[in-house]
Amino acid sequence: MMQIFHLVANQYVKEGFAFNPDFLEANVINIVILLSGLIYVLRKFLGSILNVRQEKVLSAIGESEERLQQAKVRLAEAEKQLNQTQLIIGQIIKEAEGTAQKVRESILAQGKSDIEKLTIAGKASISTAEYQVKQQIQQQIISLAIHRVTSELQNQVTPSMQTKIIDSSIAQLGGEL
């Protein structure tokens, strides 16, 4: 091809560039026949290559569109699952808050009950302690009174008075028997 180009270029350089009105000498018919043959042959060859390429591109576009549709379906399913999961999480949170509130109220009620029991037990313990202290004070007062009366009686009672008291007690016992 390069050789032909060189020959043609050399021819024009030697002869110069001019319009040749003789069709046979200019090979215009040969060039037209050659070009039409090339177009005919290349059209079928390039056409088949372009058709194959077009089919591949269309096939790739179809596959891409199918994958896009599948991706959209999967995305919709994932969004649906996300919404369901969020609803379930919301329900779990509400239930947990309700349970926590119930537990809190139960603990407070139990604490109040325990405080009331401890208060009642404390009051009972205080009452028992007061009763015991009163009993001890009474016993001490009685003991002191008996001791004082005994010591005063011992100081005031003479042996003759003791004999009279014993005789009078025997007489009272004897009258009742």
N, C-alpha and C. Protein backbone atom coordinates (compact mmCIF):
# COMPACT_ATOMS: atom_id res chain seq x y z
N MET A 1 0.83 -1.17 0.00
CA MET A 1 0.00 0.00 0.00
C MET A 1 0.89 1.25 0.00
N MET A 2 1.91 1.19 0.78
CA MET A 2 2.82 2.34 0.84
C MET A 2 3.55 2.54 -0.49
N GLN A 3 3.83 1.44 -1.14
CA GLN A 3 4.52 1.53 -2.43
C GLN A 3 3.64 2.21 -3.46
N ILE A 4 2.36 1.89 -3.42
CA ILE A 4 1.43 2.49 -4.38
C ILE A 4 1.35 3.99 -4.10
N PHE A 5 1.27 4.33 -2.85
CA PHE A 5 1.20 5.74 -2.48
C PHE A 5 2.45 6.48 -2.97
N HIS A 6 3.60 5.86 -2.82
CA HIS A 6 4.86 6.47 -3.26
C HIS A 6 4.90 6.64 -4.78
N LEU A 7 4.42 5.63 -5.47
CA LEU A 7 4.40 5.72 -6.93
C LEU A 7 3.49 6.84 -7.40
N VAL A 8 2.30 6.93 -6.78
CA VAL A 8 1.34 7.97 -7.17
C VAL A 8 1.92 9.33 -6.81
N ALA A 9 2.51 9.43 -5.63
CA ALA A 9 3.08 10.70 -5.22
C ALA A 9 4.22 11.11 -6.15
N ASN A 10 5.08 10.19 -6.53
CA ASN A 10 6.18 10.48 -7.45
C ASN A 10 5.65 10.90 -8.82
N GLN A 11 4.61 10.25 -9.27
CA GLN A 11 3.99 10.58 -10.56
C GLN A 11 3.51 12.01 -10.56
N TYR A 12 2.84 12.42 -9.48
CA TYR A 12 2.30 13.78 -9.41
C TYR A 12 3.42 14.80 -9.28
N VAL A 13 4.51 14.42 -8.58
CA VAL A 13 5.62 15.34 -8.43
C VAL A 13 6.29 15.56 -9.79
N LYS A 14 6.45 14.49 -10.54
CA LYS A 14 7.10 14.59 -11.85
C LYS A 14 6.21 15.33 -12.84
N GLU A 15 4.96 14.96 -12.86
CA GLU A 15 4.08 15.52 -13.88
C GLU A 15 3.37 16.76 -13.38
N GLY A 16 3.23 16.88 -12.05
CA GLY A 16 2.49 18.01 -11.51
C GLY A 16 1.05 17.60 -11.28
N PHE A 17 0.38 18.42 -10.60
CA PHE A 17 -1.00 18.11 -10.26
C PHE A 17 -1.89 18.83 -11.27
N ALA A 18 -2.69 17.99 -11.98
CA ALA A 18 -3.58 18.57 -12.97
C ALA A 18 -4.75 17.65 -13.19
N PHE A 19 -5.82 18.22 -13.75
CA PHE A 19 -7.02 17.43 -14.01
C PHE A 19 -6.86 16.75 -15.35
N ASN A 20 -7.07 15.43 -15.31
CA ASN A 20 -6.97 14.64 -16.53
C ASN A 20 -8.38 14.32 -16.99
N PRO A 21 -8.84 14.86 -18.14
CA PRO A 21 -10.21 14.62 -18.59
C PRO A 21 -10.42 13.24 -19.18
N ASP A 22 -9.41 12.48 -19.45
CA ASP A 22 -9.57 11.14 -20.01
C ASP A 22 -9.87 10.16 -18.87
N PHE A 23 -11.09 9.58 -18.93
CA PHE A 23 -11.52 8.69 -17.86
C PHE A 23 -10.71 7.41 -17.83
N LEU A 24 -10.37 6.91 -19.00
CA LEU A 24 -9.66 5.64 -19.05
C LEU A 24 -8.25 5.80 -18.54
N GLU A 25 -7.67 6.92 -18.83
CA GLU A 25 -6.32 7.14 -18.38
C GLU A 25 -6.29 7.48 -16.90
N ALA A 26 -7.29 8.08 -16.39
CA ALA A 26 -7.29 8.51 -14.99
C ALA A 26 -7.70 7.38 -14.05
N ASN A 27 -8.18 6.35 -14.58
CA ASN A 27 -8.60 5.16 -13.81
C ASN A 27 -9.71 5.50 -12.81
N VAL A 28 -10.52 6.46 -13.19
CA VAL A 28 -11.63 6.81 -12.31
C VAL A 28 -12.61 5.65 -12.26
N ILE A 29 -12.85 5.03 -13.36
CA ILE A 29 -13.77 3.89 -13.38
C ILE A 29 -13.21 2.77 -12.53
N ASN A 30 -11.91 2.52 -12.67
CA ASN A 30 -11.29 1.45 -11.87
C ASN A 30 -11.39 1.77 -10.37
N ILE A 31 -11.17 3.02 -10.06
CA ILE A 31 -11.24 3.42 -8.64
C ILE A 31 -12.67 3.26 -8.13
N VAL A 32 -13.66 3.67 -8.96
CA VAL A 32 -15.06 3.55 -8.55
C VAL A 32 -15.42 2.09 -8.38
N ILE A 33 -15.00 1.24 -9.30
CA ILE A 33 -15.28 -0.20 -9.20
C ILE A 33 -14.60 -0.77 -7.97
N LEU A 34 -13.36 -0.39 -7.77
CA LEU A 34 -12.62 -0.87 -6.59
C LEU A 34 -13.30 -0.41 -5.31
N LEU A 35 -13.70 0.88 -5.27
CA LEU A 35 -14.37 1.39 -4.06
C LEU A 35 -15.70 0.69 -3.84
N SER A 36 -16.48 0.51 -4.90
CA SER A 36 -17.78 -0.16 -4.73
C SER A 36 -17.59 -1.59 -4.28
N GLY A 37 -16.56 -2.27 -4.80
CA GLY A 37 -16.27 -3.64 -4.35
C GLY A 37 -15.85 -3.67 -2.89
N LEU A 38 -14.99 -2.72 -2.56
CA LEU A 38 -14.56 -2.64 -1.15
C LEU A 38 -15.74 -2.34 -0.24
N ILE A 39 -16.60 -1.42 -0.64
CA ILE A 39 -17.76 -1.09 0.19
C ILE A 39 -18.67 -2.31 0.32
N TYR A 40 -18.88 -3.01 -0.79
CA TYR A 40 -19.74 -4.19 -0.75
C TYR A 40 -19.16 -5.24 0.18
N VAL A 41 -17.88 -5.55 0.03
CA VAL A 41 -17.23 -6.58 0.85
C VAL A 41 -17.10 -6.12 2.30
N LEU A 42 -16.64 -4.90 2.47
CA LEU A 42 -16.43 -4.42 3.83
C LEU A 42 -17.76 -4.21 4.56
N ARG A 43 -18.82 -3.85 3.79
CA ARG A 43 -20.11 -3.65 4.44
C ARG A 43 -20.58 -4.95 5.07
N LYS A 44 -20.47 -6.04 4.35
CA LYS A 44 -20.89 -7.32 4.93
C LYS A 44 -19.98 -7.71 6.09
N PHE A 45 -18.68 -7.56 5.93
CA PHE A 45 -17.74 -7.93 6.98
C PHE A 45 -17.91 -7.04 8.21
N LEU A 46 -17.85 -5.73 7.98
CA LEU A 46 -18.01 -4.80 9.10
C LEU A 46 -19.42 -4.87 9.66
N GLY A 47 -20.41 -5.07 8.80
CA GLY A 47 -21.79 -5.18 9.26
C GLY A 47 -21.97 -6.36 10.20
N SER A 48 -21.38 -7.50 9.82
CA SER A 48 -21.51 -8.68 10.70
C SER A 48 -20.77 -8.45 12.01
N ILE A 49 -19.60 -7.81 11.96
CA ILE A 49 -18.85 -7.52 13.19
C ILE A 49 -19.65 -6.54 14.05
N LEU A 50 -20.21 -5.52 13.39
CA LEU A 50 -20.99 -4.53 14.15
C LEU A 50 -22.27 -5.16 14.71
N ASN A 51 -22.89 -6.05 13.93
CA ASN A 51 -24.09 -6.74 14.44
C ASN A 51 -23.76 -7.60 15.65
N VAL A 52 -22.64 -8.32 15.59
CA VAL A 52 -22.22 -9.14 16.74
C VAL A 52 -21.94 -8.23 17.93
N ARG A 53 -21.26 -7.13 17.67
CA ARG A 53 -20.95 -6.20 18.76
C ARG A 53 -22.23 -5.58 19.33
N GLN A 54 -23.17 -5.24 18.44
CA GLN A 54 -24.45 -4.67 18.88
C GLN A 54 -25.22 -5.69 19.72
N GLU A 55 -25.22 -6.96 19.29
CA GLU A 55 -25.91 -8.00 20.07
C GLU A 55 -25.27 -8.17 21.44
N LYS A 56 -23.93 -8.12 21.47
CA LYS A 56 -23.24 -8.23 22.77
C LYS A 56 -23.59 -7.05 23.67
N VAL A 57 -23.61 -5.85 23.10
CA VAL A 57 -23.92 -4.66 23.90
C VAL A 57 -25.36 -4.74 24.39
N LEU A 58 -26.28 -5.11 23.50
CA LEU A 58 -27.70 -5.24 23.90
C LEU A 58 -27.87 -6.32 24.96
N SER A 59 -27.14 -7.42 24.78
CA SER A 59 -27.20 -8.49 25.78
C SER A 59 -26.67 -8.00 27.12
N ALA A 60 -25.56 -7.27 27.09
CA ALA A 60 -24.98 -6.74 28.33
C ALA A 60 -25.94 -5.74 28.97
N ILE A 61 -26.59 -4.90 28.15
CA ILE A 61 -27.56 -3.94 28.68
C ILE A 61 -28.74 -4.68 29.31
N GLY A 62 -29.21 -5.73 28.60
CA GLY A 62 -30.33 -6.53 29.14
C GLY A 62 -29.96 -7.17 30.47
N GLU A 63 -28.75 -7.74 30.53
CA GLU A 63 -28.30 -8.36 31.78
C GLU A 63 -28.18 -7.31 32.88
N SER A 64 -27.66 -6.14 32.52
CA SER A 64 -27.52 -5.07 33.51
C SER A 64 -28.89 -4.63 34.01
N GLU A 65 -29.84 -4.49 33.10
CA GLU A 65 -31.19 -4.11 33.52
C GLU A 65 -31.81 -5.18 34.41
N GLU A 66 -31.59 -6.45 34.05
CA GLU A 66 -32.11 -7.55 34.88
C GLU A 66 -31.47 -7.52 36.27
N ARG A 67 -30.15 -7.31 36.32
CA ARG A 67 -29.48 -7.22 37.62
C ARG A 67 -29.96 -6.01 38.40
N LEU A 68 -30.24 -4.90 37.69
CA LEU A 68 -30.78 -3.71 38.34
C LEU A 68 -32.15 -4.01 38.94
N GLN A 69 -32.99 -4.70 38.22
CA GLN A 69 -34.32 -5.07 38.74
C GLN A 69 -34.18 -5.98 39.96
N GLN A 70 -33.27 -6.96 39.87
CA GLN A 70 -33.04 -7.85 41.01
C GLN A 70 -32.52 -7.06 42.21
N ALA A 71 -31.63 -6.12 41.94
CA ALA A 71 -31.09 -5.30 43.04
C ALA A 71 -32.20 -4.45 43.65
N LYS A 72 -33.09 -3.91 42.80
CA LYS A 72 -34.22 -3.12 43.32
C LYS A 72 -35.12 -3.98 44.18
N VAL A 73 -35.38 -5.22 43.73
CA VAL A 73 -36.23 -6.14 44.51
C VAL A 73 -35.56 -6.45 45.85
N ARG A 74 -34.25 -6.75 45.80
CA ARG A 74 -33.54 -7.04 47.06
C ARG A 74 -33.52 -5.83 47.98
N LEU A 75 -33.36 -4.63 47.38
CA LEU A 75 -33.38 -3.40 48.17
C LEU A 75 -34.74 -3.20 48.82
N ALA A 76 -35.80 -3.43 48.07
CA ALA A 76 -37.14 -3.29 48.63
C ALA A 76 -37.36 -4.29 49.76
N GLU A 77 -36.90 -5.53 49.57
CA GLU A 77 -37.02 -6.54 50.62
C GLU A 77 -36.22 -6.15 51.85
N ALA A 78 -35.01 -5.65 51.61
CA ALA A 78 -34.15 -5.23 52.74
C ALA A 78 -34.79 -4.06 53.49
N GLU A 79 -35.37 -3.10 52.75
CA GLU A 79 -36.03 -1.98 53.41
C GLU A 79 -37.25 -2.46 54.20
N LYS A 80 -37.97 -3.42 53.64
CA LYS A 80 -39.14 -3.98 54.34
C LYS A 80 -38.69 -4.67 55.62
N GLN A 81 -37.62 -5.46 55.51
CA GLN A 81 -37.09 -6.14 56.70
C GLN A 81 -36.58 -5.13 57.72
N LEU A 82 -35.96 -4.05 57.24
CA LEU A 82 -35.47 -3.01 58.15
C LEU A 82 -36.64 -2.37 58.89
N ASN A 83 -37.71 -2.05 58.16
CA ASN A 83 -38.89 -1.46 58.80
C ASN A 83 -39.49 -2.41 59.82
N GLN A 84 -39.60 -3.70 59.47
CA GLN A 84 -40.13 -4.68 60.41
C GLN A 84 -39.23 -4.79 61.63
N THR A 85 -37.92 -4.79 61.39
CA THR A 85 -36.97 -4.88 62.50
C THR A 85 -37.10 -3.65 63.40
N GLN A 86 -37.26 -2.48 62.81
CA GLN A 86 -37.41 -1.27 63.61
C GLN A 86 -38.70 -1.32 64.41
N LEU A 87 -39.79 -1.85 63.82
CA LEU A 87 -41.04 -1.99 64.57
C LEU A 87 -40.86 -2.94 65.75
N ILE A 88 -40.18 -4.06 65.49
CA ILE A 88 -39.96 -5.05 66.56
C ILE A 88 -39.09 -4.44 67.65
N ILE A 89 -38.05 -3.70 67.25
CA ILE A 89 -37.17 -3.05 68.24
C ILE A 89 -37.98 -2.05 69.06
N GLY A 90 -38.86 -1.30 68.40
CA GLY A 90 -39.71 -0.35 69.12
C GLY A 90 -40.60 -1.05 70.13
N GLN A 91 -41.19 -2.19 69.72
CA GLN A 91 -42.03 -2.95 70.64
C GLN A 91 -41.22 -3.48 71.81
N ILE A 92 -40.03 -3.98 71.51
CA ILE A 92 -39.17 -4.51 72.58
C ILE A 92 -38.81 -3.40 73.56
N ILE A 93 -38.50 -2.22 73.02
CA ILE A 93 -38.15 -1.09 73.90
C ILE A 93 -39.34 -0.71 74.77
N LYS A 94 -40.56 -0.66 74.17
CA LYS A 94 -41.74 -0.32 74.95
C LYS A 94 -41.99 -1.37 76.04
N GLU A 95 -41.86 -2.65 75.66
CA GLU A 95 -42.06 -3.72 76.65
C GLU A 95 -41.01 -3.64 77.75
N ALA A 96 -39.77 -3.35 77.36
CA ALA A 96 -38.69 -3.25 78.36
C ALA A 96 -38.95 -2.09 79.31
N GLU A 97 -39.41 -0.95 78.75
CA GLU A 97 -39.71 0.20 79.60
C GLU A 97 -40.88 -0.13 80.53
N GLY A 98 -41.91 -0.82 80.00
CA GLY A 98 -43.05 -1.21 80.83
C GLY A 98 -42.62 -2.16 81.93
N THR A 99 -41.80 -3.14 81.55
CA THR A 99 -41.31 -4.10 82.55
C THR A 99 -40.46 -3.39 83.59
N ALA A 100 -39.60 -2.48 83.15
CA ALA A 100 -38.76 -1.74 84.09
C ALA A 100 -39.62 -0.92 85.05
N GLN A 101 -40.69 -0.30 84.51
CA GLN A 101 -41.59 0.49 85.36
C GLN A 101 -42.27 -0.41 86.38
N LYS A 102 -42.73 -1.58 85.92
CA LYS A 102 -43.39 -2.52 86.84
C LYS A 102 -42.42 -3.00 87.92
N VAL A 103 -41.20 -3.32 87.50
CA VAL A 103 -40.19 -3.77 88.47
C VAL A 103 -39.88 -2.65 89.46
N ARG A 104 -39.75 -1.42 88.94
CA ARG A 104 -39.48 -0.28 89.81
C ARG A 104 -40.61 -0.10 90.82
N GLU A 105 -41.86 -0.17 90.33
CA GLU A 105 -43.01 -0.03 91.23
C GLU A 105 -43.06 -1.17 92.24
N SER A 106 -42.75 -2.38 91.78
CA SER A 106 -42.74 -3.54 92.68
C SER A 106 -41.67 -3.38 93.76
N ILE A 107 -40.49 -2.91 93.33
CA ILE A 107 -39.41 -2.71 94.30
C ILE A 107 -39.80 -1.62 95.30
N LEU A 108 -40.41 -0.54 94.82
CA LEU A 108 -40.83 0.53 95.72
C LEU A 108 -41.91 0.04 96.69
N ALA A 109 -42.87 -0.74 96.15
CA ALA A 109 -43.93 -1.27 97.02
C ALA A 109 -43.34 -2.22 98.05
N GLN A 110 -42.42 -3.06 97.63
CA GLN A 110 -41.77 -3.99 98.56
C GLN A 110 -40.97 -3.21 99.59
N GLY A 111 -40.29 -2.15 99.15
CA GLY A 111 -39.53 -1.32 100.10
C GLY A 111 -40.45 -0.66 101.11
N LYS A 112 -41.60 -0.13 100.63
CA LYS A 112 -42.56 0.47 101.55
C LYS A 112 -43.08 -0.56 102.54
N SER A 113 -43.37 -1.75 102.00
CA SER A 113 -43.87 -2.82 102.88
C SER A 113 -42.82 -3.19 103.92
N ASP A 114 -41.57 -3.31 103.46
CA ASP A 114 -40.49 -3.64 104.40
C ASP A 114 -40.32 -2.53 105.44
N ILE A 115 -40.42 -1.27 105.01
CA ILE A 115 -40.30 -0.15 105.95
C ILE A 115 -41.43 -0.19 106.97
N GLU A 116 -42.65 -0.47 106.49
CA GLU A 116 -43.79 -0.56 107.41
C GLU A 116 -43.58 -1.70 108.41
N LYS A 117 -43.11 -2.85 107.92
CA LYS A 117 -42.86 -3.98 108.81
C LYS A 117 -41.79 -3.62 109.84
N LEU A 118 -40.71 -2.98 109.36
CA LEU A 118 -39.64 -2.59 110.28
C LEU A 118 -40.15 -1.55 111.29
N THR A 119 -41.01 -0.64 110.83
CA THR A 119 -41.56 0.37 111.73
C THR A 119 -42.41 -0.29 112.80
N ILE A 120 -43.28 -1.22 112.35
CA ILE A 120 -44.14 -1.95 113.30
C ILE A 120 -43.29 -2.76 114.27
N ALA A 121 -42.27 -3.45 113.73
CA ALA A 121 -41.40 -4.25 114.59
C ALA A 121 -40.65 -3.35 115.56
N GLY A 122 -40.21 -2.18 115.08
CA GLY A 122 -39.49 -1.24 115.95
C GLY A 122 -40.41 -0.72 117.05
N LYS A 123 -41.64 -0.37 116.66
CA LYS A 123 -42.59 0.10 117.67
C LYS A 123 -42.88 -0.99 118.69
N ALA A 124 -43.03 -2.23 118.20
CA ALA A 124 -43.28 -3.35 119.11
C ALA A 124 -42.09 -3.56 120.04
N SER A 125 -40.88 -3.44 119.46
CA SER A 125 -39.68 -3.59 120.29
C SER A 125 -39.62 -2.48 121.33
N ILE A 126 -39.96 -1.26 120.92
CA ILE A 126 -39.95 -0.13 121.87
C ILE A 126 -40.99 -0.36 122.95
N SER A 127 -42.18 -0.80 122.54
CA SER A 127 -43.24 -1.07 123.53
C SER A 127 -42.82 -2.16 124.50
N THR A 128 -42.22 -3.20 123.97
CA THR A 128 -41.76 -4.30 124.84
C THR A 128 -40.68 -3.80 125.77
N ALA A 129 -39.76 -3.00 125.24
CA ALA A 129 -38.68 -2.47 126.08
C ALA A 129 -39.26 -1.55 127.15
N GLU A 130 -40.24 -0.70 126.77
CA GLU A 130 -40.87 0.18 127.75
C GLU A 130 -41.56 -0.65 128.84
N TYR A 131 -42.27 -1.68 128.43
CA TYR A 131 -42.97 -2.53 129.39
C TYR A 131 -41.97 -3.18 130.35
N GLN A 132 -40.86 -3.69 129.76
CA GLN A 132 -39.86 -4.34 130.61
C GLN A 132 -39.23 -3.32 131.57
N VAL A 133 -38.95 -2.11 131.05
CA VAL A 133 -38.37 -1.09 131.92
C VAL A 133 -39.35 -0.73 133.04
N LYS A 134 -40.64 -0.59 132.70
CA LYS A 134 -41.66 -0.29 133.73
C LYS A 134 -41.73 -1.40 134.76
N GLN A 135 -41.68 -2.64 134.27
CA GLN A 135 -41.73 -3.77 135.19
C GLN A 135 -40.52 -3.76 136.12
N GLN A 136 -39.35 -3.49 135.56
CA GLN A 136 -38.15 -3.45 136.38
C GLN A 136 -38.23 -2.31 137.40
N ILE A 137 -38.73 -1.15 136.93
CA ILE A 137 -38.86 -0.01 137.86
C ILE A 137 -39.84 -0.35 138.97
N GLN A 138 -40.98 -0.98 138.58
CA GLN A 138 -41.97 -1.36 139.60
C GLN A 138 -41.39 -2.37 140.58
N GLN A 139 -40.66 -3.34 140.04
CA GLN A 139 -40.06 -4.34 140.93
C GLN A 139 -39.05 -3.68 141.87
N GLN A 140 -38.27 -2.75 141.35
CA GLN A 140 -37.31 -2.07 142.22
C GLN A 140 -38.01 -1.21 143.26
N ILE A 141 -39.10 -0.52 142.79
CA ILE A 141 -39.84 0.29 143.77
C ILE A 141 -40.45 -0.61 144.84
N ILE A 142 -41.04 -1.72 144.40
CA ILE A 142 -41.64 -2.66 145.37
C ILE A 142 -40.57 -3.22 146.28
N SER A 143 -39.46 -3.57 145.69
CA SER A 143 -38.38 -4.13 146.49
C SER A 143 -37.87 -3.11 147.50
N LEU A 144 -37.70 -1.86 147.03
CA LEU A 144 -37.26 -0.81 147.94
C LEU A 144 -38.32 -0.54 149.01
N ALA A 145 -39.59 -0.55 148.60
CA ALA A 145 -40.66 -0.29 149.58
C ALA A 145 -40.69 -1.41 150.62
N ILE A 146 -40.59 -2.66 150.15
CA ILE A 146 -40.61 -3.79 151.09
C ILE A 146 -39.38 -3.70 151.99
N HIS A 147 -38.28 -3.38 151.42
CA HIS A 147 -37.07 -3.28 152.23
C HIS A 147 -37.20 -2.16 153.26
N ARG A 148 -37.75 -1.02 152.85
CA ARG A 148 -37.91 0.09 153.76
C ARG A 148 -38.94 -0.23 154.85
N VAL A 149 -40.07 -0.84 154.40
CA VAL A 149 -41.10 -1.20 155.39
C VAL A 149 -40.53 -2.23 156.36
N THR A 150 -39.79 -3.16 155.82
CA THR A 150 -39.21 -4.19 156.68
C THR A 150 -38.23 -3.56 157.66
N SER A 151 -37.40 -2.67 157.17
CA SER A 151 -36.44 -2.07 158.09
C SER A 151 -37.15 -1.17 159.10
N GLU A 152 -38.21 -0.46 158.68
CA GLU A 152 -38.94 0.37 159.64
C GLU A 152 -39.69 -0.51 160.65
N LEU A 153 -40.25 -1.61 160.15
CA LEU A 153 -40.96 -2.50 161.07
C LEU A 153 -39.98 -3.12 162.07
N GLN A 154 -38.83 -3.44 161.58
CA GLN A 154 -37.86 -4.04 162.48
C GLN A 154 -37.44 -3.01 163.53
N ASN A 155 -37.37 -1.77 163.10
CA ASN A 155 -37.00 -0.73 164.06
C ASN A 155 -38.15 -0.42 165.02
N GLN A 156 -39.36 -0.46 164.54
CA GLN A 156 -40.50 -0.07 165.36
C GLN A 156 -41.14 -1.26 166.10
N VAL A 157 -41.06 -2.40 165.54
CA VAL A 157 -41.74 -3.54 166.19
C VAL A 157 -40.82 -4.08 167.30
N THR A 158 -41.40 -4.18 168.42
CA THR A 158 -40.68 -4.73 169.56
C THR A 158 -41.08 -6.19 169.69
N PRO A 159 -40.39 -6.94 170.54
CA PRO A 159 -40.73 -8.36 170.67
C PRO A 159 -42.14 -8.55 171.20
N SER A 160 -42.66 -7.73 172.00
CA SER A 160 -44.02 -7.90 172.51
C SER A 160 -45.02 -7.66 171.41
N MET A 161 -44.73 -6.73 170.48
CA MET A 161 -45.61 -6.46 169.36
C MET A 161 -45.60 -7.64 168.41
N GLN A 162 -44.47 -8.25 168.28
CA GLN A 162 -44.38 -9.40 167.39
C GLN A 162 -45.23 -10.52 167.94
N THR A 163 -45.24 -10.72 169.23
CA THR A 163 -46.03 -11.77 169.85
C THR A 163 -47.50 -11.49 169.64
N LYS A 164 -47.93 -10.25 169.80
CA LYS A 164 -49.32 -9.88 169.60
C LYS A 164 -49.73 -10.11 168.16
N ILE A 165 -48.89 -9.75 167.20
CA ILE A 165 -49.21 -9.90 165.77
C ILE A 165 -49.34 -11.37 165.45
N ILE A 166 -48.45 -12.18 165.97
CA ILE A 166 -48.49 -13.62 165.71
C ILE A 166 -49.75 -14.21 166.32
N ASP A 167 -50.09 -13.83 167.54
CA ASP A 167 -51.28 -14.34 168.20
C ASP A 167 -52.52 -13.92 167.43
N SER A 168 -52.58 -12.71 166.98
CA SER A 168 -53.76 -12.23 166.27
C SER A 168 -53.87 -12.94 164.95
N SER A 169 -52.77 -13.22 164.27
CA SER A 169 -52.81 -13.93 162.99
C SER A 169 -53.26 -15.36 163.21
N ILE A 170 -52.81 -16.00 164.31
CA ILE A 170 -53.22 -17.39 164.62
C ILE A 170 -54.71 -17.40 164.93
N ALA A 171 -55.18 -16.40 165.66
CA ALA A 171 -56.57 -16.33 166.02
C ALA A 171 -57.44 -16.17 164.76
N GLN A 172 -56.99 -15.38 163.81
CA GLN A 172 -57.76 -15.20 162.58
C GLN A 172 -57.77 -16.50 161.78
N LEU A 173 -56.68 -17.19 161.78
CA LEU A 173 -56.61 -18.45 161.07
C LEU A 173 -57.43 -19.51 161.77
N GLY A 174 -57.41 -19.52 163.04
CA GLY A 174 -58.16 -20.50 163.82
C GLY A 174 -59.64 -20.27 163.67
N GLY A 175 -60.13 -19.04 163.58
CA GLY A 175 -61.54 -18.75 163.44
C GLY A 175 -62.06 -19.17 162.07
N GLU A 176 -61.27 -19.14 161.12
CA GLU A 176 -61.68 -19.50 159.75
C GLU A 176 -61.63 -20.99 159.53
N LEU A 177 -60.86 -21.69 160.28
CA LEU A 177 -60.73 -23.12 160.09
C LEU A 177 -61.96 -23.76 160.58
